[in-house]
Amino acid sequence: MNDPHSRPPILDMTPEGEFREAPRPSWLDRVLARTGGIAILVLAATLGLVLVAVAILFISLLIPVAIGAGLIAAISIWWRRRRMRQAGIQPASIFVVRR
């Protein structure tokens, strides 16, 4: 460790305590930076797919509710038109307009 032929590192610093130039990154730093960037891209793609899957799940849960509401509305309209015909009133339109 105390080899008389080895030179100590030279620190080129400003009076404020900052380095004059950034240290050169090693090969490991470059590999880790690229790997980290790829990992972030994979994470973003995975989160996008999870969001799409959750959206599809919620839509698939809402489809039976929409079908049920449509059936209830159709039965209600059918029942009202039937009652109007029994009362002797000919229903002209399905939609009710109130003024």
PDB file of N, CA and C in Angstrom:
ATOM      1  N   MET A   1       0.802  -1.192   0.000  1.00  0.00           N
ATOM      2  CA  MET A   1       0.000   0.000   0.000  1.00  0.00           C
ATOM      3  C   MET A   1       0.848   1.260   0.000  1.00  0.00           C
ATOM      4  N   ASN A   2       1.882   1.257   0.739  1.00  0.00           N
ATOM      5  CA  ASN A   2       2.763   2.416   0.787  1.00  0.00           C
ATOM      6  C   ASN A   2       3.913   2.237  -0.188  1.00  0.00           C
ATOM      7  N   ASP A   3       3.577   2.067  -1.429  1.00  0.00           N
ATOM      8  CA  ASP A   3       4.588   1.904  -2.464  1.00  0.00           C
ATOM      9  C   ASP A   3       5.188   3.276  -2.787  1.00  0.00           C
ATOM     10  N   PRO A   4       6.476   3.437  -2.712  1.00  0.00           N
ATOM     11  CA  PRO A   4       7.065   4.759  -2.975  1.00  0.00           C
ATOM     12  C   PRO A   4       6.959   5.171  -4.437  1.00  0.00           C
ATOM     13  N   HIS A   5       6.665   4.237  -5.345  1.00  0.00           N
ATOM     14  CA  HIS A   5       6.577   4.570  -6.758  1.00  0.00           C
ATOM     15  C   HIS A   5       5.159   4.965  -7.182  1.00  0.00           C
ATOM     16  N   SER A   6       4.166   4.706  -6.337  1.00  0.00           N
ATOM     17  CA  SER A   6       2.796   5.067  -6.710  1.00  0.00           C
ATOM     18  C   SER A   6       2.547   6.527  -6.354  1.00  0.00           C
ATOM     19  N   ARG A   7       1.782   7.176  -7.208  1.00  0.00           N
ATOM     20  CA  ARG A   7       1.473   8.593  -6.988  1.00  0.00           C
ATOM     21  C   ARG A   7       0.126   8.711  -6.285  1.00  0.00           C
ATOM     22  N   PRO A   8      -0.025   9.627  -5.403  1.00  0.00           N
ATOM     23  CA  PRO A   8      -1.338   9.856  -4.789  1.00  0.00           C
ATOM     24  C   PRO A   8      -2.279  10.493  -5.815  1.00  0.00           C
ATOM     25  N   PRO A   9      -3.574  10.320  -5.657  1.00  0.00           N
ATOM     26  CA  PRO A   9      -4.501  10.936  -6.619  1.00  0.00           C
ATOM     27  C   PRO A   9      -4.449  12.458  -6.525  1.00  0.00           C
ATOM     28  N   ILE A  10      -4.609  13.092  -7.665  1.00  0.00           N
ATOM     29  CA  ILE A  10      -4.603  14.552  -7.713  1.00  0.00           C
ATOM     30  C   ILE A  10      -6.058  15.013  -7.748  1.00  0.00           C
ATOM     31  N   LEU A  11      -6.409  15.846  -6.798  1.00  0.00           N
ATOM     32  CA  LEU A  11      -7.756  16.396  -6.740  1.00  0.00           C
ATOM     33  C   LEU A  11      -7.709  17.833  -7.251  1.00  0.00           C
ATOM     34  N   ASP A  12      -8.270  18.049  -8.430  1.00  0.00           N
ATOM     35  CA  ASP A  12      -8.299  19.375  -9.034  1.00  0.00           C
ATOM     36  C   ASP A  12      -9.610  20.031  -8.621  1.00  0.00           C
ATOM     37  N   MET A  13      -9.558  20.874  -7.586  1.00  0.00           N
ATOM     38  CA  MET A  13     -10.773  21.457  -7.031  1.00  0.00           C
ATOM     39  C   MET A  13     -10.691  22.977  -7.064  1.00  0.00           C
ATOM     40  N   THR A  14     -11.864  23.595  -7.077  1.00  0.00           N
ATOM     41  CA  THR A  14     -11.959  25.055  -7.012  1.00  0.00           C
ATOM     42  C   THR A  14     -11.863  25.482  -5.552  1.00  0.00           C
ATOM     43  N   PRO A  15     -11.673  26.776  -5.297  1.00  0.00           N
ATOM     44  CA  PRO A  15     -11.636  27.241  -3.906  1.00  0.00           C
ATOM     45  C   PRO A  15     -12.949  27.014  -3.156  1.00  0.00           C
ATOM     46  N   GLU A  16     -14.061  26.873  -3.899  1.00  0.00           N
ATOM     47  CA  GLU A  16     -15.363  26.630  -3.255  1.00  0.00           C
ATOM     48  C   GLU A  16     -15.532  25.170  -2.843  1.00  0.00           C
ATOM     49  N   GLY A  17     -14.632  24.307  -3.285  1.00  0.00           N
ATOM     50  CA  GLY A  17     -14.706  22.898  -2.910  1.00  0.00           C
ATOM     51  C   GLY A  17     -15.348  22.017  -3.958  1.00  0.00           C
ATOM     52  N   GLU A  18     -15.565  22.511  -5.171  1.00  0.00           N
ATOM     53  CA  GLU A  18     -16.166  21.724  -6.241  1.00  0.00           C
ATOM     54  C   GLU A  18     -15.065  21.208  -7.168  1.00  0.00           C
ATOM     55  N   PHE A  19     -15.342  20.093  -7.792  1.00  0.00           N
ATOM     56  CA  PHE A  19     -14.371  19.550  -8.739  1.00  0.00           C
ATOM     57  C   PHE A  19     -14.431  20.331 -10.043  1.00  0.00           C
ATOM     58  N   ARG A  20     -13.273  20.498 -10.690  1.00  0.00           N
ATOM     59  CA  ARG A  20     -13.225  21.242 -11.951  1.00  0.00           C
ATOM     60  C   ARG A  20     -13.856  20.452 -13.097  1.00  0.00           C
ATOM     61  N   GLU A  21     -13.671  19.166 -13.127  1.00  0.00           N
ATOM     62  CA  GLU A  21     -14.290  18.333 -14.170  1.00  0.00           C
ATOM     63  C   GLU A  21     -14.815  17.060 -13.522  1.00  0.00           C
ATOM     64  N   ALA A  22     -15.869  16.553 -14.101  1.00  0.00           N
ATOM     65  CA  ALA A  22     -16.497  15.356 -13.543  1.00  0.00           C
ATOM     66  C   ALA A  22     -15.594  14.144 -13.755  1.00  0.00           C
ATOM     67  N   PRO A  23     -15.611  13.225 -12.808  1.00  0.00           N
ATOM     68  CA  PRO A  23     -14.801  12.027 -12.994  1.00  0.00           C
ATOM     69  C   PRO A  23     -15.361  11.179 -14.134  1.00  0.00           C
ATOM     70  N   ARG A  24     -14.477  10.496 -14.825  1.00  0.00           N
ATOM     71  CA  ARG A  24     -14.914   9.642 -15.930  1.00  0.00           C
ATOM     72  C   ARG A  24     -15.584   8.397 -15.362  1.00  0.00           C
ATOM     73  N   PRO A  25     -16.763   8.062 -15.879  1.00  0.00           N
ATOM     74  CA  PRO A  25     -17.448   6.876 -15.355  1.00  0.00           C
ATOM     75  C   PRO A  25     -16.722   5.599 -15.779  1.00  0.00           C
ATOM     76  N   SER A  26     -16.755   4.629 -14.906  1.00  0.00           N
ATOM     77  CA  SER A  26     -16.132   3.344 -15.217  1.00  0.00           C
ATOM     78  C   SER A  26     -17.063   2.528 -16.101  1.00  0.00           C
ATOM     79  N   TRP A  27     -16.585   1.390 -16.575  1.00  0.00           N
ATOM     80  CA  TRP A  27     -17.415   0.535 -17.428  1.00  0.00           C
ATOM     81  C   TRP A  27     -18.612   0.007 -16.644  1.00  0.00           C
ATOM     82  N   LEU A  28     -18.430  -0.214 -15.342  1.00  0.00           N
ATOM     83  CA  LEU A  28     -19.545  -0.702 -14.523  1.00  0.00           C
ATOM     84  C   LEU A  28     -20.622   0.373 -14.388  1.00  0.00           C
ATOM     85  N   ASP A  29     -20.205   1.631 -14.239  1.00  0.00           N
ATOM     86  CA  ASP A  29     -21.178   2.725 -14.164  1.00  0.00           C
ATOM     87  C   ASP A  29     -21.991   2.829 -15.451  1.00  0.00           C
ATOM     88  N   ARG A  30     -21.323   2.684 -16.582  1.00  0.00           N
ATOM     89  CA  ARG A  30     -22.036   2.763 -17.866  1.00  0.00           C
ATOM     90  C   ARG A  30     -23.007   1.596 -18.033  1.00  0.00           C
ATOM     91  N   VAL A  31     -22.572   0.392 -17.658  1.00  0.00           N
ATOM     92  CA  VAL A  31     -23.442  -0.783 -17.782  1.00  0.00           C
ATOM     93  C   VAL A  31     -24.650  -0.636 -16.861  1.00  0.00           C
ATOM     94  N   LEU A  32     -24.415  -0.181 -15.626  1.00  0.00           N
ATOM     95  CA  LEU A  32     -25.530  -0.021 -14.688  1.00  0.00           C
ATOM     96  C   LEU A  32     -26.485   1.080 -15.129  1.00  0.00           C
ATOM     97  N   ALA A  33     -25.971   2.128 -15.744  1.00  0.00           N
ATOM     98  CA  ALA A  33     -26.843   3.197 -16.240  1.00  0.00           C
ATOM     99  C   ALA A  33     -27.737   2.689 -17.364  1.00  0.00           C
ATOM    100  N   ARG A  34     -27.171   1.940 -18.288  1.00  0.00           N
ATOM    101  CA  ARG A  34     -27.981   1.389 -19.388  1.00  0.00           C
ATOM    102  C   ARG A  34     -28.979   0.362 -18.873  1.00  0.00           C
ATOM    103  N   THR A  35     -28.546  -0.481 -17.956  1.00  0.00           N
ATOM    104  CA  THR A  35     -29.450  -1.490 -17.394  1.00  0.00           C
ATOM    105  C   THR A  35     -30.586  -0.817 -16.631  1.00  0.00           C
ATOM    106  N   GLY A  36     -30.256   0.234 -15.900  1.00  0.00           N
ATOM    107  CA  GLY A  36     -31.297   0.970 -15.175  1.00  0.00           C
ATOM    108  C   GLY A  36     -32.290   1.619 -16.112  1.00  0.00           C
ATOM    109  N   GLY A  37     -31.803   2.166 -17.221  1.00  0.00           N
ATOM    110  CA  GLY A  37     -32.706   2.769 -18.200  1.00  0.00           C
ATOM    111  C   GLY A  37     -33.635   1.745 -18.822  1.00  0.00           C
ATOM    112  N   ILE A  38     -33.096   0.593 -19.137  1.00  0.00           N
ATOM    113  CA  ILE A  38     -33.932  -0.480 -19.694  1.00  0.00           C
ATOM    114  C   ILE A  38     -34.946  -0.946 -18.660  1.00  0.00           C
ATOM    115  N   ALA A  39     -34.519  -1.033 -17.396  1.00  0.00           N
ATOM    116  CA  ALA A  39     -35.441  -1.461 -16.338  1.00  0.00           C
ATOM    117  C   ALA A  39     -36.580  -0.466 -16.167  1.00  0.00           C
ATOM    118  N   ILE A  40     -36.290   0.826 -16.305  1.00  0.00           N
ATOM    119  CA  ILE A  40     -37.355   1.831 -16.196  1.00  0.00           C
ATOM    120  C   ILE A  40     -38.334   1.706 -17.361  1.00  0.00           C
ATOM    121  N   LEU A  41     -37.836   1.443 -18.564  1.00  0.00           N
ATOM    122  CA  LEU A  41     -38.726   1.246 -19.711  1.00  0.00           C
ATOM    123  C   LEU A  41     -39.609   0.016 -19.524  1.00  0.00           C
ATOM    124  N   VAL A  42     -39.029  -1.070 -19.017  1.00  0.00           N
ATOM    125  CA  VAL A  42     -39.810  -2.284 -18.765  1.00  0.00           C
ATOM    126  C   VAL A  42     -40.861  -2.019 -17.693  1.00  0.00           C
ATOM    127  N   LEU A  43     -40.496  -1.264 -16.660  1.00  0.00           N
ATOM    128  CA  LEU A  43     -41.446  -0.913 -15.614  1.00  0.00           C
ATOM    129  C   LEU A  43     -42.600  -0.099 -16.166  1.00  0.00           C
ATOM    130  N   ALA A  44     -42.312   0.891 -17.011  1.00  0.00           N
ATOM    131  CA  ALA A  44     -43.367   1.721 -17.589  1.00  0.00           C
ATOM    132  C   ALA A  44     -44.301   0.884 -18.465  1.00  0.00           C
ATOM    133  N   ALA A  45     -43.745  -0.009 -19.269  1.00  0.00           N
ATOM    134  CA  ALA A  45     -44.580  -0.865 -20.115  1.00  0.00           C
ATOM    135  C   ALA A  45     -45.440  -1.799 -19.266  1.00  0.00           C
ATOM    136  N   THR A  46     -44.862  -2.338 -18.208  1.00  0.00           N
ATOM    137  CA  THR A  46     -45.610  -3.237 -17.332  1.00  0.00           C
ATOM    138  C   THR A  46     -46.746  -2.495 -16.630  1.00  0.00           C
ATOM    139  N   LEU A  47     -46.470  -1.290 -16.152  1.00  0.00           N
ATOM    140  CA  LEU A  47     -47.528  -0.513 -15.503  1.00  0.00           C
ATOM    141  C   LEU A  47     -48.639  -0.166 -16.494  1.00  0.00           C
ATOM    142  N   GLY A  48     -48.272   0.110 -17.732  1.00  0.00           N
ATOM    143  CA  GLY A  48     -49.296   0.360 -18.747  1.00  0.00           C
ATOM    144  C   GLY A  48     -50.174  -0.852 -18.982  1.00  0.00           C
ATOM    145  N   LEU A  49     -49.551  -2.035 -19.055  1.00  0.00           N
ATOM    146  CA  LEU A  49     -50.339  -3.259 -19.239  1.00  0.00           C
ATOM    147  C   LEU A  49     -51.227  -3.546 -18.034  1.00  0.00           C
ATOM    148  N   VAL A  50     -50.728  -3.271 -16.838  1.00  0.00           N
ATOM    149  CA  VAL A  50     -51.549  -3.469 -15.639  1.00  0.00           C
ATOM    150  C   VAL A  50     -52.743  -2.522 -15.660  1.00  0.00           C
ATOM    151  N   LEU A  51     -52.520  -1.266 -16.069  1.00  0.00           N
ATOM    152  CA  LEU A  51     -53.633  -0.325 -16.167  1.00  0.00           C
ATOM    153  C   LEU A  51     -54.681  -0.791 -17.173  1.00  0.00           C
ATOM    154  N   VAL A  52     -54.230  -1.295 -18.308  1.00  0.00           N
ATOM    155  CA  VAL A  52     -55.171  -1.812 -19.309  1.00  0.00           C
ATOM    156  C   VAL A  52     -55.937  -3.007 -18.751  1.00  0.00           C
ATOM    157  N   ALA A  53     -55.252  -3.891 -18.030  1.00  0.00           N
ATOM    158  CA  ALA A  53     -55.917  -5.061 -17.456  1.00  0.00           C
ATOM    159  C   ALA A  53     -56.955  -4.655 -16.422  1.00  0.00           C
ATOM    160  N   VAL A  54     -56.645  -3.662 -15.597  1.00  0.00           N
ATOM    161  CA  VAL A  54     -57.609  -3.200 -14.590  1.00  0.00           C
ATOM    162  C   VAL A  54     -58.808  -2.553 -15.272  1.00  0.00           C
ATOM    163  N   ALA A  55     -58.567  -1.789 -16.333  1.00  0.00           N
ATOM    164  CA  ALA A  55     -59.673  -1.170 -17.063  1.00  0.00           C
ATOM    165  C   ALA A  55     -60.574  -2.236 -17.678  1.00  0.00           C
ATOM    166  N   ILE A  56     -59.984  -3.251 -18.265  1.00  0.00           N
ATOM    167  CA  ILE A  56     -60.782  -4.334 -18.855  1.00  0.00           C
ATOM    168  C   ILE A  56     -61.575  -5.060 -17.765  1.00  0.00           C
ATOM    169  N   LEU A  57     -60.968  -5.256 -16.607  1.00  0.00           N
ATOM    170  CA  LEU A  57     -61.666  -5.909 -15.495  1.00  0.00           C
ATOM    171  C   LEU A  57     -62.883  -5.098 -15.067  1.00  0.00           C
ATOM    172  N   PHE A  58     -62.720  -3.777 -14.889  1.00  0.00           N
ATOM    173  CA  PHE A  58     -63.847  -2.949 -14.474  1.00  0.00           C
ATOM    174  C   PHE A  58     -64.931  -2.902 -15.541  1.00  0.00           C
ATOM    175  N   ILE A  59     -64.537  -2.849 -16.807  1.00  0.00           N
ATOM    176  CA  ILE A  59     -65.535  -2.844 -17.879  1.00  0.00           C
ATOM    177  C   ILE A  59     -66.294  -4.167 -17.891  1.00  0.00           C
ATOM    178  N   SER A  60     -65.579  -5.266 -17.701  1.00  0.00           N
ATOM    179  CA  SER A  60     -66.259  -6.564 -17.700  1.00  0.00           C
ATOM    180  C   SER A  60     -67.181  -6.706 -16.500  1.00  0.00           C
ATOM    181  N   LEU A  61     -66.876  -6.020 -15.403  1.00  0.00           N
ATOM    182  CA  LEU A  61     -67.784  -6.039 -14.257  1.00  0.00           C
ATOM    183  C   LEU A  61     -69.002  -5.159 -14.489  1.00  0.00           C
ATOM    184  N   LEU A  62     -68.865  -4.113 -15.312  1.00  0.00           N
ATOM    185  CA  LEU A  62     -69.979  -3.201 -15.556  1.00  0.00           C
ATOM    186  C   LEU A  62     -70.936  -3.700 -16.638  1.00  0.00           C
ATOM    187  N   ILE A  63     -70.488  -4.598 -17.493  1.00  0.00           N
ATOM    188  CA  ILE A  63     -71.356  -5.081 -18.579  1.00  0.00           C
ATOM    189  C   ILE A  63     -72.613  -5.771 -18.037  1.00  0.00           C
ATOM    190  N   PRO A  64     -72.518  -6.682 -17.063  1.00  0.00           N
ATOM    191  CA  PRO A  64     -73.753  -7.266 -16.535  1.00  0.00           C
ATOM    192  C   PRO A  64     -74.666  -6.244 -15.870  1.00  0.00           C
ATOM    193  N   VAL A  65     -74.102  -5.228 -15.237  1.00  0.00           N
ATOM    194  CA  VAL A  65     -74.917  -4.181 -14.620  1.00  0.00           C
ATOM    195  C   VAL A  65     -75.673  -3.415 -15.697  1.00  0.00           C
ATOM    196  N   ALA A  66     -75.004  -3.093 -16.802  1.00  0.00           N
ATOM    197  CA  ALA A  66     -75.660  -2.375 -17.901  1.00  0.00           C
ATOM    198  C   ALA A  66     -76.755  -3.231 -18.536  1.00  0.00           C
ATOM    199  N   ILE A  67     -76.490  -4.510 -18.709  1.00  0.00           N
ATOM    200  CA  ILE A  67     -77.511  -5.406 -19.277  1.00  0.00           C
ATOM    201  C   ILE A  67     -78.713  -5.494 -18.345  1.00  0.00           C
ATOM    202  N   GLY A  68     -78.458  -5.615 -17.051  1.00  0.00           N
ATOM    203  CA  GLY A  68     -79.554  -5.680 -16.069  1.00  0.00           C
ATOM    204  C   GLY A  68     -80.370  -4.401 -16.058  1.00  0.00           C
ATOM    205  N   ALA A  69     -79.710  -3.244 -16.097  1.00  0.00           N
ATOM    206  CA  ALA A  69     -80.431  -1.969 -16.114  1.00  0.00           C
ATOM    207  C   ALA A  69     -81.253  -1.837 -17.399  1.00  0.00           C
ATOM    208  N   GLY A  70     -80.703  -2.281 -18.523  1.00  0.00           N
ATOM    209  CA  GLY A  70     -81.462  -2.240 -19.773  1.00  0.00           C
ATOM    210  C   GLY A  70     -82.681  -3.138 -19.734  1.00  0.00           C
ATOM    211  N   LEU A  71     -82.542  -4.326 -19.161  1.00  0.00           N
ATOM    212  CA  LEU A  71     -83.702  -5.220 -19.030  1.00  0.00           C
ATOM    213  C   LEU A  71     -84.776  -4.627 -18.133  1.00  0.00           C
ATOM    214  N   ILE A  72     -84.369  -4.041 -17.026  1.00  0.00           N
ATOM    215  CA  ILE A  72     -85.343  -3.424 -16.125  1.00  0.00           C
ATOM    216  C   ILE A  72     -86.051  -2.274 -16.819  1.00  0.00           C
ATOM    217  N   ALA A  73     -85.309  -1.450 -17.568  1.00  0.00           N
ATOM    218  CA  ALA A  73     -85.930  -0.345 -18.292  1.00  0.00           C
ATOM    219  C   ALA A  73     -86.896  -0.861 -19.359  1.00  0.00           C
ATOM    220  N   ALA A  74     -86.513  -1.905 -20.096  1.00  0.00           N
ATOM    221  CA  ALA A  74     -87.390  -2.459 -21.137  1.00  0.00           C
ATOM    222  C   ALA A  74     -88.659  -3.044 -20.530  1.00  0.00           C
ATOM    223  N   ILE A  75     -88.532  -3.759 -19.425  1.00  0.00           N
ATOM    224  CA  ILE A  75     -89.715  -4.336 -18.766  1.00  0.00           C
ATOM    225  C   ILE A  75     -90.615  -3.234 -18.231  1.00  0.00           C
ATOM    226  N   SER A  76     -90.027  -2.165 -17.682  1.00  0.00           N
ATOM    227  CA  SER A  76     -90.823  -1.051 -17.170  1.00  0.00           C
ATOM    228  C   SER A  76     -91.604  -0.372 -18.290  1.00  0.00           C
ATOM    229  N   ILE A  77     -90.956  -0.126 -19.419  1.00  0.00           N
ATOM    230  CA  ILE A  77     -91.649   0.502 -20.548  1.00  0.00           C
ATOM    231  C   ILE A  77     -92.736  -0.423 -21.084  1.00  0.00           C
ATOM    232  N   TRP A  78     -92.418  -1.700 -21.205  1.00  0.00           N
ATOM    233  CA  TRP A  78     -93.415  -2.651 -21.691  1.00  0.00           C
ATOM    234  C   TRP A  78     -94.620  -2.673 -20.754  1.00  0.00           C
ATOM    235  N   TRP A  79     -94.392  -2.672 -19.452  1.00  0.00           N
ATOM    236  CA  TRP A  79     -95.476  -2.740 -18.470  1.00  0.00           C
ATOM    237  C   TRP A  79     -96.342  -1.479 -18.528  1.00  0.00           C
ATOM    238  N   ARG A  80     -95.725  -0.327 -18.654  1.00  0.00           N
ATOM    239  CA  ARG A  80     -96.495   0.916 -18.724  1.00  0.00           C
ATOM    240  C   ARG A  80     -97.337   0.974 -19.994  1.00  0.00           C
ATOM    241  N   ARG A  81     -96.762   0.551 -21.122  1.00  0.00           N
ATOM    242  CA  ARG A  81     -97.541   0.551 -22.370  1.00  0.00           C
ATOM    243  C   ARG A  81     -98.708  -0.445 -22.287  1.00  0.00           C
ATOM    244  N   ARG A  82     -98.485  -1.567 -21.645  1.00  0.00           N
ATOM    245  CA  ARG A  82     -99.543  -2.572 -21.479  1.00  0.00           C
ATOM    246  C   ARG A  82    -100.676  -2.012 -20.621  1.00  0.00           C
ATOM    247  N   ARG A  83    -100.310  -1.313 -19.521  1.00  0.00           N
ATOM    248  CA  ARG A  83    -101.327  -0.731 -18.643  1.00  0.00           C
ATOM    249  C   ARG A  83    -102.095   0.386 -19.361  1.00  0.00           C
ATOM    250  N   MET A  84    -101.404   1.145 -20.214  1.00  0.00           N
ATOM    251  CA  MET A  84    -102.089   2.203 -20.965  1.00  0.00           C
ATOM    252  C   MET A  84    -103.086   1.599 -21.951  1.00  0.00           C
ATOM    253  N   ARG A  85    -102.702   0.497 -22.597  1.00  0.00           N
ATOM    254  CA  ARG A  85    -103.622  -0.159 -23.536  1.00  0.00           C
ATOM    255  C   ARG A  85    -104.832  -0.727 -22.807  1.00  0.00           C
ATOM    256  N   GLN A  86    -104.624  -1.252 -21.595  1.00  0.00           N
ATOM    257  CA  GLN A  86    -105.742  -1.788 -20.816  1.00  0.00           C
ATOM    258  C   GLN A  86    -106.686  -0.673 -20.379  1.00  0.00           C
ATOM    259  N   ALA A  87    -106.142   0.541 -20.180  1.00  0.00           N
ATOM    260  CA  ALA A  87    -106.970   1.678 -19.784  1.00  0.00           C
ATOM    261  C   ALA A  87    -107.636   2.334 -20.989  1.00  0.00           C
ATOM    262  N   GLY A  88    -107.366   1.845 -22.179  1.00  0.00           N
ATOM    263  CA  GLY A  88    -107.991   2.385 -23.378  1.00  0.00           C
ATOM    264  C   GLY A  88    -107.221   3.538 -23.994  1.00  0.00           C
ATOM    265  N   ILE A  89    -106.023   3.770 -23.546  1.00  0.00           N
ATOM    266  CA  ILE A  89    -105.195   4.842 -24.098  1.00  0.00           C
ATOM    267  C   ILE A  89    -104.190   4.205 -25.039  1.00  0.00           C
ATOM    268  N   GLN A  90    -104.144   4.705 -26.277  1.00  0.00           N
ATOM    269  CA  GLN A  90    -103.179   4.182 -27.227  1.00  0.00           C
ATOM    270  C   GLN A  90    -101.863   4.924 -27.052  1.00  0.00           C
ATOM    271  N   PRO A  91    -100.814   4.242 -26.596  1.00  0.00           N
ATOM    272  CA  PRO A  91     -99.530   4.933 -26.406  1.00  0.00           C
ATOM    273  C   PRO A  91     -98.916   5.302 -27.759  1.00  0.00           C
ATOM    274  N   ALA A  92     -98.625   6.584 -27.921  1.00  0.00           N
ATOM    275  CA  ALA A  92     -98.088   7.065 -29.185  1.00  0.00           C
ATOM    276  C   ALA A  92     -96.562   6.956 -29.225  1.00  0.00           C
ATOM    277  N   SER A  93     -95.969   7.216 -28.131  1.00  0.00           N
ATOM    278  CA  SER A  93     -94.514   7.234 -28.093  1.00  0.00           C
ATOM    279  C   SER A  93     -94.012   6.570 -26.800  1.00  0.00           C
ATOM    280  N   ILE A  94     -92.838   6.033 -26.893  1.00  0.00           N
ATOM    281  CA  ILE A  94     -92.248   5.413 -25.713  1.00  0.00           C
ATOM    282  C   ILE A  94     -91.692   6.494 -24.777  1.00  0.00           C
ATOM    283  N   PHE A  95     -91.186   7.569 -25.361  1.00  0.00           N
ATOM    284  CA  PHE A  95     -90.525   8.590 -24.574  1.00  0.00           C
ATOM    285  C   PHE A  95     -91.542   9.588 -24.010  1.00  0.00           C
ATOM    286  N   VAL A  96     -91.337   9.993 -22.782  1.00  0.00           N
ATOM    287  CA  VAL A  96     -92.216  10.966 -22.116  1.00  0.00           C
ATOM    288  C   VAL A  96     -91.521  12.316 -22.153  1.00  0.00           C
ATOM    289  N   VAL A  97     -92.269  13.338 -22.638  1.00  0.00           N
ATOM    290  CA  VAL A  97     -91.732  14.685 -22.687  1.00  0.00           C
ATOM    291  C   VAL A  97     -92.568  15.535 -21.744  1.00  0.00           C
ATOM    292  N   ARG A  98     -91.924  16.118 -20.746  1.00  0.00           N
ATOM    293  CA  ARG A  98     -92.631  16.975 -19.800  1.00  0.00           C
ATOM    294  C   ARG A  98     -92.281  18.429 -20.112  1.00  0.00           C
ATOM    295  N   ARG A  99     -93.300  19.258 -20.113  1.00  0.00           N
ATOM    296  CA  ARG A  99     -93.062  20.672 -20.379  1.00  0.00           C
ATOM    297  C   ARG A  99     -93.514  21.506 -19.228  1.00  0.00           C
TER     298      ARG A  99
END
